[in-house]
Structures are given as structure tokens and as C-alpha cells.
């Protein structure tokens, strides 16, 4: 069963890097949904206007 649901506000548990982009620990985002696997989520960062796919170990409840 998925830990988070669509619309949940979460935050990053550690810094993430993808190529030239960086997301910082504690940055808040909203869950858009999961990828059919309980541990993989698409999240949206309203302050940045972008989204990212993360594992459940990368996020926690805000």
C-alpha cells in the first residue's frame, strides 16, 4: 500500500541532483501520484514550477 496519496504535502529527506539541477533537503512539494509501484512517486514543487519522480525514501510528510 502506498505511503502517500495524491495531494499530500511532503518534503525531501536529503539533497537530490539530476544533471545540472539540484533540489535541497527540506524542500516542500505535493504528491501528484505514484507510478503503480508503492514506493515511486511523482511530486510537484509549486515554488519552482517543476516536477520530479522520487522514491518513498526521498520524501516524508511535511
C-alpha atoms as a PDB file:
ATOM      1  CA  UNK A   1       0.000   0.000   0.000  1.00  0.00           C
ATOM      2  CA  UNK A   2       1.289   3.467  -0.895  1.00  0.00           C
ATOM      3  CA  UNK A   3       2.544   5.656   1.960  1.00  0.00           C
ATOM      4  CA  UNK A   4       1.379   8.895   0.335  1.00  0.00           C
ATOM      5  CA  UNK A   5      -1.699   9.939  -1.638  1.00  0.00           C
ATOM      6  CA  UNK A   6      -2.284  12.462  -4.395  1.00  0.00           C
ATOM      7  CA  UNK A   7      -2.313  15.980  -2.920  1.00  0.00           C
ATOM      8  CA  UNK A   8      -0.265  15.116   0.190  1.00  0.00           C
ATOM      9  CA  UNK A   9       2.294  17.768   1.105  1.00  0.00           C
ATOM     10  CA  UNK A  10       5.726  16.235   1.603  1.00  0.00           C
ATOM     11  CA  UNK A  11       9.335  17.358   1.844  1.00  0.00           C
ATOM     12  CA  UNK A  12      12.658  15.962   0.692  1.00  0.00           C
ATOM     13  CA  UNK A  13      14.673  13.939   3.203  1.00  0.00           C
ATOM     14  CA  UNK A  14      18.014  14.740   1.523  1.00  0.00           C
ATOM     15  CA  UNK A  15      19.521  16.720  -1.361  1.00  0.00           C
ATOM     16  CA  UNK A  16      18.842  15.341  -4.844  1.00  0.00           C
ATOM     17  CA  UNK A  17      20.836  16.044  -8.007  1.00  0.00           C
ATOM     18  CA  UNK A  18      19.852  15.295 -11.601  1.00  0.00           C
ATOM     19  CA  UNK A  19      22.349  16.560 -14.120  1.00  0.00           C
ATOM     20  CA  UNK A  20      22.640  20.308 -13.586  1.00  0.00           C
ATOM     21  CA  UNK A  21      19.551  20.631 -11.340  1.00  0.00           C
ATOM     22  CA  UNK A  22      19.535  20.392  -7.555  1.00  0.00           C
ATOM     23  CA  UNK A  23      16.712  20.000  -5.063  1.00  0.00           C
ATOM     24  CA  UNK A  24      17.537  20.729  -1.420  1.00  0.00           C
ATOM     25  CA  UNK A  25      16.708  18.746   1.704  1.00  0.00           C
ATOM     26  CA  UNK A  26      13.507  20.080   3.293  1.00  0.00           C
ATOM     27  CA  UNK A  27      12.131  21.498   0.036  1.00  0.00           C
ATOM     28  CA  UNK A  28       8.336  21.137   0.062  1.00  0.00           C
ATOM     29  CA  UNK A  29       6.355  19.515  -2.714  1.00  0.00           C
ATOM     30  CA  UNK A  30       2.973  17.906  -3.405  1.00  0.00           C
ATOM     31  CA  UNK A  31       2.380  14.320  -4.438  1.00  0.00           C
ATOM     32  CA  UNK A  32       0.884  14.041  -7.936  1.00  0.00           C
ATOM     33  CA  UNK A  33       0.515  10.265  -7.684  1.00  0.00           C
ATOM     34  CA  UNK A  34       2.500   7.080  -7.705  1.00  0.00           C
ATOM     35  CA  UNK A  35       3.825   5.097 -10.649  1.00  0.00           C
ATOM     36  CA  UNK A  36       1.991   1.848  -9.988  1.00  0.00           C
ATOM     37  CA  UNK A  37       4.703   0.850  -7.568  1.00  0.00           C
ATOM     38  CA  UNK A  38       4.029   1.775  -3.956  1.00  0.00           C
ATOM     39  CA  UNK A  39       7.478   3.289  -3.469  1.00  0.00           C
ATOM     40  CA  UNK A  40       7.747   5.506  -6.603  1.00  0.00           C
ATOM     41  CA  UNK A  41       6.043   8.938  -6.681  1.00  0.00           C
ATOM     42  CA  UNK A  42       5.739  11.918  -8.984  1.00  0.00           C
ATOM     43  CA  UNK A  43       5.940  15.133  -6.963  1.00  0.00           C
ATOM     44  CA  UNK A  44       5.412  18.791  -7.893  1.00  0.00           C
ATOM     45  CA  UNK A  45       7.352  21.734  -6.459  1.00  0.00           C
ATOM     46  CA  UNK A  46       4.971  24.758  -6.577  1.00  0.00           C
ATOM     47  CA  UNK A  47       7.706  27.251  -5.659  1.00  0.00           C
ATOM     48  CA  UNK A  48       9.881  26.048  -8.556  1.00  0.00           C
ATOM     49  CA  UNK A  49       7.152  25.130 -11.028  1.00  0.00           C
ATOM     50  CA  UNK A  50       8.692  21.757 -11.825  1.00  0.00           C
ATOM     51  CA  UNK A  51       8.179  18.101 -11.011  1.00  0.00           C
ATOM     52  CA  UNK A  52      10.351  15.107 -10.214  1.00  0.00           C
ATOM     53  CA  UNK A  53       9.999  11.354  -9.784  1.00  0.00           C
ATOM     54  CA  UNK A  54      11.249  10.136  -6.400  1.00  0.00           C
ATOM     55  CA  UNK A  55      11.310   7.022  -4.215  1.00  0.00           C
ATOM     56  CA  UNK A  56       9.469   6.895  -0.893  1.00  0.00           C
ATOM     57  CA  UNK A  57      12.804   7.089   0.947  1.00  0.00           C
ATOM     58  CA  UNK A  58      13.404  10.525  -0.689  1.00  0.00           C
ATOM     59  CA  UNK A  59      10.300  12.134   0.869  1.00  0.00           C
ATOM     60  CA  UNK A  60       8.497  12.381   4.210  1.00  0.00           C
ATOM     61  CA  UNK A  61       5.312  14.027   5.437  1.00  0.00           C
ATOM     62  CA  UNK A  62       5.653  17.806   5.771  1.00  0.00           C
END
